[in-house]
Amino acid sequence: MRCPYCGGPDTQVKDSRPSEDSAAIRRRRVCPDCGGRFTTFERVQLRELMVLKRSGKRVPFDRDKLERSIDIALRKRPVDPERVERLISGITRQFESGGENEVTSEAIGEAVMEGLKGLDDVAYVRFASVYKNFAEPQDFKDLLGTLAGDATLPFGEAPEKSGAPRKRGRTAKSGA
């Protein structure tokens, strides 16, 4: 493998181990020419997938692009990186193990939305707003209406823990 720092043709593997989810091999490498150290990941690719874009153009499936788009949606969100990696690997395996060599960009987008919905509601809304090209505040309201009932509460209000209906306004205990 070429060195990403100096372009040297041969690098040496210093350490190999399975990744956290055992879906990849993590290799630590060093370049004998410049001494640069870097990490590579080796994954199984079941088949060469092509993505059919809305424009009709066909491009190779890019796992890194999928990972970048999910990372953008999850930026500054408290989600365990291991769960994110499982989501990305699961989506990739879902399409690679399917019977088709071609997958639509819409199918990928829907799979990401479904995965993010179970992972983090804010990331789900972020991704959906870009994927579905939201143009008006009503688009956000409609999407939030599909989430759990607590998503429609005013900002800063937590849902009641019991199944009792929420009371609006002040109670007798608060002096009103």
N, C-alpha and C. Protein backbone atom coordinates (compact mmCIF):
# COMPACT_ATOMS: atom_id res chain seq x y z
N MET A 1 0.84 -1.17 0.00
CA MET A 1 0.00 0.00 0.00
C MET A 1 0.89 1.24 0.00
N ARG A 2 0.51 2.22 -0.78
CA ARG A 2 1.26 3.47 -0.87
C ARG A 2 1.13 4.30 0.40
N CYS A 3 2.20 4.99 0.75
CA CYS A 3 2.22 5.87 1.91
C CYS A 3 1.43 7.14 1.56
N PRO A 4 0.48 7.55 2.41
CA PRO A 4 -0.28 8.77 2.13
C PRO A 4 0.52 10.05 2.34
N TYR A 5 1.69 9.95 2.99
CA TYR A 5 2.51 11.12 3.27
C TYR A 5 3.54 11.39 2.18
N CYS A 6 4.31 10.36 1.84
CA CYS A 6 5.39 10.59 0.86
C CYS A 6 5.14 9.89 -0.47
N GLY A 7 4.14 9.02 -0.53
CA GLY A 7 3.84 8.30 -1.76
C GLY A 7 4.72 7.08 -1.97
N GLY A 8 5.49 6.71 -0.98
CA GLY A 8 6.35 5.53 -1.07
C GLY A 8 5.54 4.30 -1.44
N PRO A 9 6.11 3.43 -2.30
CA PRO A 9 5.34 2.30 -2.84
C PRO A 9 5.07 1.17 -1.84
N ASP A 10 5.89 1.00 -0.83
CA ASP A 10 5.72 -0.12 0.09
C ASP A 10 5.66 0.37 1.53
N THR A 11 4.63 -0.08 2.24
CA THR A 11 4.53 0.19 3.66
C THR A 11 4.48 -1.14 4.39
N GLN A 12 4.85 -1.11 5.65
CA GLN A 12 4.89 -2.33 6.44
C GLN A 12 3.75 -2.35 7.44
N VAL A 13 3.13 -3.51 7.60
CA VAL A 13 2.07 -3.69 8.60
C VAL A 13 2.75 -3.98 9.94
N LYS A 14 2.45 -3.15 10.93
CA LYS A 14 3.03 -3.33 12.26
C LYS A 14 2.08 -4.04 13.21
N ASP A 15 0.76 -3.89 12.98
CA ASP A 15 -0.21 -4.50 13.88
C ASP A 15 -1.51 -4.73 13.13
N SER A 16 -2.12 -5.89 13.30
CA SER A 16 -3.43 -6.20 12.72
C SER A 16 -4.33 -6.73 13.81
N ARG A 17 -5.57 -6.26 13.79
CA ARG A 17 -6.56 -6.78 14.74
C ARG A 17 -7.95 -6.52 14.19
N PRO A 18 -8.93 -7.31 14.63
CA PRO A 18 -10.30 -7.06 14.16
C PRO A 18 -10.83 -5.75 14.73
N SER A 19 -11.72 -5.10 13.98
CA SER A 19 -12.35 -3.88 14.48
C SER A 19 -13.32 -4.25 15.60
N GLU A 20 -13.93 -3.24 16.22
CA GLU A 20 -14.81 -3.48 17.36
C GLU A 20 -15.95 -4.42 17.03
N ASP A 21 -16.53 -4.29 15.84
CA ASP A 21 -17.67 -5.13 15.48
C ASP A 21 -17.25 -6.36 14.67
N SER A 22 -15.96 -6.59 14.53
CA SER A 22 -15.38 -7.72 13.79
C SER A 22 -15.82 -7.77 12.33
N ALA A 23 -16.23 -6.63 11.78
CA ALA A 23 -16.63 -6.57 10.38
C ALA A 23 -15.47 -6.12 9.49
N ALA A 24 -14.34 -5.77 10.11
CA ALA A 24 -13.19 -5.29 9.36
C ALA A 24 -11.91 -5.65 10.10
N ILE A 25 -10.81 -5.59 9.38
CA ILE A 25 -9.48 -5.77 9.98
C ILE A 25 -8.82 -4.40 10.02
N ARG A 26 -8.37 -4.00 11.20
CA ARG A 26 -7.68 -2.73 11.38
C ARG A 26 -6.19 -3.00 11.32
N ARG A 27 -5.50 -2.30 10.43
CA ARG A 27 -4.05 -2.50 10.29
C ARG A 27 -3.30 -1.19 10.55
N ARG A 28 -2.33 -1.24 11.45
CA ARG A 28 -1.43 -0.10 11.67
C ARG A 28 -0.25 -0.29 10.75
N ARG A 29 0.08 0.73 9.98
CA ARG A 29 1.16 0.64 9.01
C ARG A 29 2.20 1.72 9.25
N VAL A 30 3.40 1.46 8.78
CA VAL A 30 4.48 2.44 8.86
C VAL A 30 5.23 2.45 7.53
N CYS A 31 5.65 3.63 7.11
CA CYS A 31 6.40 3.78 5.87
C CYS A 31 7.89 3.74 6.18
N PRO A 32 8.65 2.83 5.56
CA PRO A 32 10.09 2.77 5.84
C PRO A 32 10.84 3.97 5.26
N ASP A 33 10.25 4.66 4.27
CA ASP A 33 10.93 5.80 3.64
C ASP A 33 10.87 7.05 4.50
N CYS A 34 9.65 7.41 4.99
CA CYS A 34 9.50 8.67 5.73
C CYS A 34 9.19 8.45 7.21
N GLY A 35 8.87 7.22 7.61
CA GLY A 35 8.55 6.93 9.00
C GLY A 35 7.11 7.26 9.37
N GLY A 36 6.31 7.66 8.40
CA GLY A 36 4.91 8.00 8.66
C GLY A 36 4.11 6.78 9.10
N ARG A 37 3.19 7.00 10.04
CA ARG A 37 2.33 5.94 10.54
C ARG A 37 0.88 6.27 10.19
N PHE A 38 0.11 5.25 9.80
CA PHE A 38 -1.29 5.43 9.48
C PHE A 38 -2.04 4.13 9.65
N THR A 39 -3.36 4.22 9.65
CA THR A 39 -4.22 3.06 9.87
C THR A 39 -5.05 2.80 8.62
N THR A 40 -5.22 1.53 8.27
CA THR A 40 -6.11 1.16 7.18
C THR A 40 -7.13 0.14 7.71
N PHE A 41 -8.26 0.04 7.02
CA PHE A 41 -9.28 -0.93 7.37
C PHE A 41 -9.56 -1.80 6.15
N GLU A 42 -9.64 -3.09 6.37
CA GLU A 42 -9.93 -4.04 5.30
C GLU A 42 -11.29 -4.66 5.59
N ARG A 43 -12.22 -4.53 4.62
CA ARG A 43 -13.58 -5.05 4.78
C ARG A 43 -13.91 -6.03 3.66
N VAL A 44 -14.83 -6.92 3.95
CA VAL A 44 -15.32 -7.84 2.94
C VAL A 44 -16.30 -7.09 2.04
N GLN A 45 -16.14 -7.25 0.76
CA GLN A 45 -17.08 -6.68 -0.20
C GLN A 45 -17.70 -7.84 -0.95
N LEU A 46 -19.01 -8.06 -0.69
CA LEU A 46 -19.67 -9.22 -1.25
C LEU A 46 -19.87 -9.11 -2.76
N ARG A 47 -20.15 -7.91 -3.24
CA ARG A 47 -20.34 -7.71 -4.68
C ARG A 47 -20.10 -6.24 -4.99
N GLU A 48 -19.88 -5.97 -6.24
CA GLU A 48 -19.69 -4.59 -6.71
C GLU A 48 -21.08 -4.00 -6.96
N LEU A 49 -21.48 -3.06 -6.11
CA LEU A 49 -22.79 -2.43 -6.23
C LEU A 49 -22.71 -1.16 -7.04
N MET A 50 -23.74 -0.91 -7.82
CA MET A 50 -23.87 0.34 -8.55
C MET A 50 -25.08 1.08 -7.99
N VAL A 51 -24.98 2.40 -7.91
CA VAL A 51 -26.07 3.23 -7.43
C VAL A 51 -26.70 3.93 -8.62
N LEU A 52 -28.01 3.80 -8.74
CA LEU A 52 -28.75 4.48 -9.79
C LEU A 52 -29.28 5.78 -9.20
N LYS A 53 -28.73 6.91 -9.67
CA LYS A 53 -29.11 8.23 -9.17
C LYS A 53 -30.42 8.67 -9.79
N ARG A 54 -31.03 9.70 -9.21
CA ARG A 54 -32.29 10.24 -9.74
C ARG A 54 -32.12 10.74 -11.16
N SER A 55 -30.94 11.23 -11.47
CA SER A 55 -30.68 11.75 -12.82
C SER A 55 -30.55 10.65 -13.86
N GLY A 56 -30.50 9.40 -13.42
CA GLY A 56 -30.32 8.28 -14.33
C GLY A 56 -28.87 7.83 -14.43
N LYS A 57 -27.97 8.59 -13.85
CA LYS A 57 -26.54 8.27 -13.86
C LYS A 57 -26.26 7.09 -12.93
N ARG A 58 -25.31 6.25 -13.31
CA ARG A 58 -24.90 5.11 -12.49
C ARG A 58 -23.48 5.35 -11.97
N VAL A 59 -23.31 5.18 -10.66
CA VAL A 59 -22.00 5.36 -10.03
C VAL A 59 -21.75 4.20 -9.09
N PRO A 60 -20.49 3.86 -8.84
CA PRO A 60 -20.20 2.78 -7.88
C PRO A 60 -20.64 3.18 -6.47
N PHE A 61 -21.13 2.21 -5.70
CA PHE A 61 -21.50 2.44 -4.31
C PHE A 61 -20.25 2.82 -3.53
N ASP A 62 -20.34 3.87 -2.72
CA ASP A 62 -19.20 4.36 -1.95
C ASP A 62 -19.55 4.35 -0.47
N ARG A 63 -19.01 3.37 0.26
CA ARG A 63 -19.28 3.25 1.69
C ARG A 63 -18.83 4.49 2.44
N ASP A 64 -17.72 5.08 2.01
CA ASP A 64 -17.21 6.28 2.67
C ASP A 64 -18.17 7.45 2.53
N LYS A 65 -18.83 7.57 1.39
CA LYS A 65 -19.81 8.64 1.19
C LYS A 65 -21.00 8.43 2.12
N LEU A 66 -21.44 7.20 2.26
CA LEU A 66 -22.51 6.86 3.18
C LEU A 66 -22.11 7.25 4.60
N GLU A 67 -20.89 6.90 4.99
CA GLU A 67 -20.39 7.21 6.33
C GLU A 67 -20.33 8.73 6.55
N ARG A 68 -19.85 9.48 5.55
CA ARG A 68 -19.77 10.94 5.69
C ARG A 68 -21.14 11.56 5.88
N SER A 69 -22.12 11.11 5.12
CA SER A 69 -23.46 11.71 5.24
C SER A 69 -24.08 11.41 6.60
N ILE A 70 -23.86 10.22 7.11
CA ILE A 70 -24.37 9.87 8.44
C ILE A 70 -23.63 10.66 9.52
N ASP A 71 -22.31 10.81 9.35
CA ASP A 71 -21.52 11.60 10.31
C ASP A 71 -21.97 13.05 10.36
N ILE A 72 -22.33 13.62 9.21
CA ILE A 72 -22.81 15.01 9.17
C ILE A 72 -24.12 15.13 9.94
N ALA A 73 -25.02 14.18 9.74
CA ALA A 73 -26.31 14.21 10.45
C ALA A 73 -26.11 14.05 11.95
N LEU A 74 -25.09 13.29 12.35
CA LEU A 74 -24.85 13.02 13.76
C LEU A 74 -23.87 13.99 14.42
N ARG A 75 -23.42 15.01 13.69
CA ARG A 75 -22.43 15.94 14.23
C ARG A 75 -22.90 16.52 15.55
N LYS A 76 -22.03 16.44 16.55
CA LYS A 76 -22.25 16.96 17.90
C LYS A 76 -23.42 16.29 18.63
N ARG A 77 -23.75 15.06 18.23
CA ARG A 77 -24.79 14.30 18.91
C ARG A 77 -24.13 13.22 19.76
N PRO A 78 -24.70 12.93 20.94
CA PRO A 78 -24.09 11.94 21.85
C PRO A 78 -24.43 10.50 21.47
N VAL A 79 -23.88 10.05 20.35
CA VAL A 79 -24.14 8.70 19.88
C VAL A 79 -22.81 7.93 19.86
N ASP A 80 -22.84 6.74 20.40
CA ASP A 80 -21.65 5.89 20.48
C ASP A 80 -21.15 5.56 19.07
N PRO A 81 -19.88 5.83 18.76
CA PRO A 81 -19.34 5.54 17.43
C PRO A 81 -19.50 4.08 17.00
N GLU A 82 -19.52 3.17 17.97
CA GLU A 82 -19.71 1.75 17.65
C GLU A 82 -21.10 1.50 17.07
N ARG A 83 -22.11 2.19 17.60
CA ARG A 83 -23.47 2.06 17.07
C ARG A 83 -23.55 2.63 15.65
N VAL A 84 -22.83 3.72 15.42
CA VAL A 84 -22.80 4.33 14.08
C VAL A 84 -22.16 3.36 13.09
N GLU A 85 -21.06 2.73 13.49
CA GLU A 85 -20.38 1.77 12.61
C GLU A 85 -21.28 0.58 12.31
N ARG A 86 -22.02 0.11 13.31
CA ARG A 86 -22.96 -0.99 13.08
C ARG A 86 -24.05 -0.59 12.10
N LEU A 87 -24.53 0.65 12.21
CA LEU A 87 -25.55 1.14 11.28
C LEU A 87 -25.01 1.16 9.85
N ILE A 88 -23.83 1.70 9.66
CA ILE A 88 -23.23 1.80 8.33
C ILE A 88 -22.98 0.41 7.76
N SER A 89 -22.41 -0.48 8.57
CA SER A 89 -22.15 -1.85 8.12
C SER A 89 -23.44 -2.58 7.79
N GLY A 90 -24.47 -2.37 8.60
CA GLY A 90 -25.76 -3.02 8.36
C GLY A 90 -26.40 -2.58 7.06
N ILE A 91 -26.36 -1.27 6.79
CA ILE A 91 -26.93 -0.75 5.54
C ILE A 91 -26.15 -1.30 4.35
N THR A 92 -24.83 -1.28 4.45
CA THR A 92 -23.98 -1.79 3.37
C THR A 92 -24.25 -3.26 3.11
N ARG A 93 -24.29 -4.07 4.17
CA ARG A 93 -24.55 -5.52 4.01
C ARG A 93 -25.94 -5.78 3.45
N GLN A 94 -26.91 -4.97 3.87
CA GLN A 94 -28.28 -5.13 3.38
C GLN A 94 -28.32 -5.05 1.85
N PHE A 95 -27.62 -4.08 1.29
CA PHE A 95 -27.64 -3.92 -0.16
C PHE A 95 -26.71 -4.90 -0.87
N GLU A 96 -25.56 -5.22 -0.27
CA GLU A 96 -24.64 -6.17 -0.89
C GLU A 96 -25.21 -7.58 -0.91
N SER A 97 -25.97 -7.93 0.13
CA SER A 97 -26.49 -9.29 0.19
C SER A 97 -27.83 -9.44 -0.54
N GLY A 98 -28.38 -8.33 -1.00
CA GLY A 98 -29.61 -8.40 -1.80
C GLY A 98 -29.30 -9.03 -3.15
N GLY A 99 -30.32 -9.39 -3.87
CA GLY A 99 -30.11 -10.08 -5.14
C GLY A 99 -29.71 -9.18 -6.30
N GLU A 100 -29.77 -7.87 -6.12
CA GLU A 100 -29.51 -6.94 -7.22
C GLU A 100 -28.08 -6.40 -7.18
N ASN A 101 -27.54 -6.11 -8.38
CA ASN A 101 -26.23 -5.47 -8.47
C ASN A 101 -26.37 -3.95 -8.50
N GLU A 102 -27.62 -3.48 -8.53
CA GLU A 102 -27.88 -2.06 -8.64
C GLU A 102 -28.90 -1.67 -7.56
N VAL A 103 -28.67 -0.53 -6.93
CA VAL A 103 -29.57 -0.03 -5.89
C VAL A 103 -29.83 1.45 -6.19
N THR A 104 -31.06 1.90 -5.92
CA THR A 104 -31.38 3.30 -6.19
C THR A 104 -30.91 4.18 -5.04
N SER A 105 -30.62 5.43 -5.36
CA SER A 105 -30.22 6.37 -4.31
C SER A 105 -31.37 6.59 -3.33
N GLU A 106 -32.61 6.47 -3.82
CA GLU A 106 -33.77 6.60 -2.93
C GLU A 106 -33.79 5.48 -1.89
N ALA A 107 -33.47 4.27 -2.31
CA ALA A 107 -33.46 3.13 -1.38
C ALA A 107 -32.39 3.34 -0.31
N ILE A 108 -31.25 3.88 -0.70
CA ILE A 108 -30.18 4.15 0.27
C ILE A 108 -30.63 5.23 1.24
N GLY A 109 -31.21 6.31 0.72
CA GLY A 109 -31.68 7.39 1.57
C GLY A 109 -32.73 6.92 2.56
N GLU A 110 -33.67 6.09 2.11
CA GLU A 110 -34.71 5.58 3.01
C GLU A 110 -34.10 4.67 4.07
N ALA A 111 -33.11 3.86 3.71
CA ALA A 111 -32.45 2.98 4.69
C ALA A 111 -31.71 3.80 5.74
N VAL A 112 -31.06 4.88 5.31
CA VAL A 112 -30.35 5.74 6.26
C VAL A 112 -31.36 6.42 7.18
N MET A 113 -32.46 6.93 6.62
CA MET A 113 -33.46 7.58 7.46
C MET A 113 -34.02 6.61 8.50
N GLU A 114 -34.31 5.39 8.07
CA GLU A 114 -34.85 4.39 8.99
C GLU A 114 -33.84 4.07 10.09
N GLY A 115 -32.56 3.94 9.73
CA GLY A 115 -31.52 3.65 10.72
C GLY A 115 -31.33 4.80 11.69
N LEU A 116 -31.34 6.04 11.18
CA LEU A 116 -31.16 7.20 12.05
C LEU A 116 -32.35 7.41 12.96
N LYS A 117 -33.52 7.05 12.50
CA LYS A 117 -34.73 7.20 13.31
C LYS A 117 -34.60 6.37 14.59
N GLY A 118 -34.00 5.20 14.48
CA GLY A 118 -33.80 4.36 15.65
C GLY A 118 -32.58 4.73 16.46
N LEU A 119 -31.70 5.55 15.89
CA LEU A 119 -30.45 5.90 16.56
C LEU A 119 -30.54 7.24 17.28
N ASP A 120 -31.05 8.28 16.59
CA ASP A 120 -31.08 9.62 17.16
C ASP A 120 -32.10 10.46 16.39
N ASP A 121 -33.12 10.97 17.09
CA ASP A 121 -34.18 11.73 16.43
C ASP A 121 -33.69 13.01 15.77
N VAL A 122 -32.75 13.69 16.42
CA VAL A 122 -32.24 14.95 15.85
C VAL A 122 -31.49 14.67 14.55
N ALA A 123 -30.66 13.64 14.54
CA ALA A 123 -29.93 13.27 13.32
C ALA A 123 -30.91 12.85 12.23
N TYR A 124 -31.98 12.17 12.62
CA TYR A 124 -33.01 11.76 11.66
C TYR A 124 -33.63 12.99 10.99
N VAL A 125 -33.98 13.99 11.78
CA VAL A 125 -34.58 15.21 11.24
C VAL A 125 -33.57 15.95 10.36
N ARG A 126 -32.32 16.03 10.80
CA ARG A 126 -31.29 16.71 10.00
C ARG A 126 -31.14 16.04 8.64
N PHE A 127 -31.00 14.73 8.65
CA PHE A 127 -30.81 14.00 7.39
C PHE A 127 -32.03 14.15 6.50
N ALA A 128 -33.22 13.99 7.09
CA ALA A 128 -34.46 14.08 6.32
C ALA A 128 -34.63 15.45 5.68
N SER A 129 -34.22 16.49 6.39
CA SER A 129 -34.40 17.85 5.86
C SER A 129 -33.56 18.06 4.60
N VAL A 130 -32.41 17.45 4.54
CA VAL A 130 -31.57 17.56 3.35
C VAL A 130 -32.02 16.57 2.28
N TYR A 131 -32.26 15.33 2.70
CA TYR A 131 -32.64 14.28 1.75
C TYR A 131 -33.97 14.60 1.05
N LYS A 132 -34.93 15.11 1.81
CA LYS A 132 -36.24 15.41 1.25
C LYS A 132 -36.35 16.87 0.79
N ASN A 133 -35.24 17.60 0.89
CA ASN A 133 -35.15 18.97 0.37
C ASN A 133 -36.25 19.86 0.96
N PHE A 134 -36.28 19.95 2.29
CA PHE A 134 -37.29 20.77 2.96
C PHE A 134 -37.16 22.22 2.51
N ALA A 135 -38.30 22.86 2.25
CA ALA A 135 -38.30 24.24 1.79
C ALA A 135 -39.07 25.16 2.73
N GLU A 136 -39.93 24.60 3.58
CA GLU A 136 -40.78 25.40 4.45
C GLU A 136 -40.80 24.81 5.86
N PRO A 137 -41.09 25.66 6.86
CA PRO A 137 -41.19 25.15 8.24
C PRO A 137 -42.23 24.04 8.38
N GLN A 138 -43.27 24.07 7.57
CA GLN A 138 -44.31 23.04 7.64
C GLN A 138 -43.74 21.65 7.36
N ASP A 139 -42.71 21.59 6.50
CA ASP A 139 -42.06 20.30 6.21
C ASP A 139 -41.49 19.68 7.49
N PHE A 140 -40.88 20.53 8.34
CA PHE A 140 -40.33 20.05 9.61
C PHE A 140 -41.46 19.61 10.54
N LYS A 141 -42.53 20.41 10.60
CA LYS A 141 -43.67 20.05 11.46
C LYS A 141 -44.24 18.70 11.06
N ASP A 142 -44.41 18.48 9.77
CA ASP A 142 -44.96 17.21 9.30
C ASP A 142 -44.07 16.04 9.70
N LEU A 143 -42.76 16.21 9.55
CA LEU A 143 -41.82 15.14 9.91
C LEU A 143 -41.84 14.89 11.41
N LEU A 144 -41.83 15.97 12.19
CA LEU A 144 -41.84 15.82 13.65
C LEU A 144 -43.12 15.13 14.12
N GLY A 145 -44.20 15.33 13.39
CA GLY A 145 -45.45 14.67 13.74
C GLY A 145 -45.37 13.16 13.61
N THR A 146 -44.44 12.66 12.79
CA THR A 146 -44.29 11.22 12.61
C THR A 146 -43.45 10.59 13.71
N LEU A 147 -42.70 11.41 14.45
CA LEU A 147 -41.88 10.89 15.54
C LEU A 147 -42.75 10.63 16.77
N ALA A 148 -42.14 10.19 17.83
CA ALA A 148 -42.85 9.90 19.07
C ALA A 148 -43.61 11.14 19.54
N GLY A 149 -44.66 10.95 20.32
CA GLY A 149 -45.52 12.03 20.78
C GLY A 149 -44.79 13.17 21.47
N ASP A 150 -43.66 12.92 22.12
CA ASP A 150 -42.96 13.98 22.83
C ASP A 150 -42.26 14.95 21.89
N ALA A 151 -42.13 14.62 20.62
CA ALA A 151 -41.46 15.52 19.69
C ALA A 151 -42.32 16.73 19.36
N THR A 152 -43.61 16.67 19.63
CA THR A 152 -44.49 17.79 19.29
C THR A 152 -44.70 18.72 20.47
N LEU A 153 -44.06 18.46 21.62
CA LEU A 153 -44.18 19.33 22.78
C LEU A 153 -43.40 20.61 22.55
N PRO A 154 -43.79 21.70 23.19
CA PRO A 154 -43.01 22.93 23.07
C PRO A 154 -41.60 22.70 23.58
N PHE A 155 -40.64 23.49 23.08
CA PHE A 155 -39.25 23.34 23.49
C PHE A 155 -39.11 23.48 24.99
N GLY A 156 -38.27 22.63 25.58
CA GLY A 156 -37.98 22.72 26.99
C GLY A 156 -38.95 21.96 27.88
N GLU A 157 -40.05 21.45 27.34
CA GLU A 157 -41.00 20.69 28.15
C GLU A 157 -40.76 19.21 27.97
N ALA A 158 -40.67 18.50 29.07
CA ALA A 158 -40.46 17.06 29.02
C ALA A 158 -41.81 16.36 29.07
N PRO A 159 -41.92 15.21 28.42
CA PRO A 159 -43.18 14.48 28.47
C PRO A 159 -43.43 13.92 29.86
N GLU A 160 -44.70 13.73 30.20
CA GLU A 160 -45.07 13.12 31.48
C GLU A 160 -44.61 11.67 31.47
N LYS A 161 -44.20 11.18 32.61
CA LYS A 161 -43.75 9.80 32.72
C LYS A 161 -44.94 8.84 32.75
N SER A 162 -46.05 9.26 33.35
CA SER A 162 -47.21 8.38 33.43
C SER A 162 -48.03 8.50 32.16
N GLY A 163 -49.05 7.69 32.05
CA GLY A 163 -49.90 7.73 30.88
C GLY A 163 -50.98 8.81 30.99
N ALA A 164 -51.00 9.57 32.09
CA ALA A 164 -52.01 10.60 32.30
C ALA A 164 -51.82 11.74 31.31
N PRO A 165 -52.91 12.39 30.89
CA PRO A 165 -52.78 13.51 29.96
C PRO A 165 -52.05 14.68 30.59
N ARG A 166 -51.39 15.47 29.77
CA ARG A 166 -50.65 16.64 30.24
C ARG A 166 -51.63 17.74 30.61
N LYS A 167 -51.32 18.46 31.71
CA LYS A 167 -52.13 19.60 32.11
C LYS A 167 -51.40 20.86 31.69
N ARG A 168 -52.11 21.77 31.11
CA ARG A 168 -51.54 23.05 30.68
C ARG A 168 -51.73 24.09 31.80
N GLY A 169 -50.85 25.05 31.85
CA GLY A 169 -50.98 26.14 32.82
C GLY A 169 -50.44 25.75 34.18
N ARG A 170 -50.69 26.62 35.15
CA ARG A 170 -50.17 26.41 36.51
C ARG A 170 -51.10 25.52 37.31
N THR A 171 -50.53 24.86 38.28
CA THR A 171 -51.33 24.03 39.18
C THR A 171 -51.53 24.74 40.49
N ALA A 172 -52.38 24.19 41.35
CA ALA A 172 -52.65 24.81 42.65
C ALA A 172 -51.39 24.90 43.48
N LYS A 173 -50.46 23.94 43.32
CA LYS A 173 -49.21 23.94 44.10
C LYS A 173 -48.32 25.10 43.74
N SER A 174 -48.40 25.58 42.49
CA SER A 174 -47.48 26.64 42.05
C SER A 174 -48.02 28.03 42.39
N GLY A 175 -49.19 28.12 43.00
CA GLY A 175 -49.69 29.39 43.48
C GLY A 175 -50.61 30.11 42.52
N ALA A 176 -51.16 29.46 41.53
CA ALA A 176 -52.05 30.15 40.61
C ALA A 176 -53.44 29.86 40.93
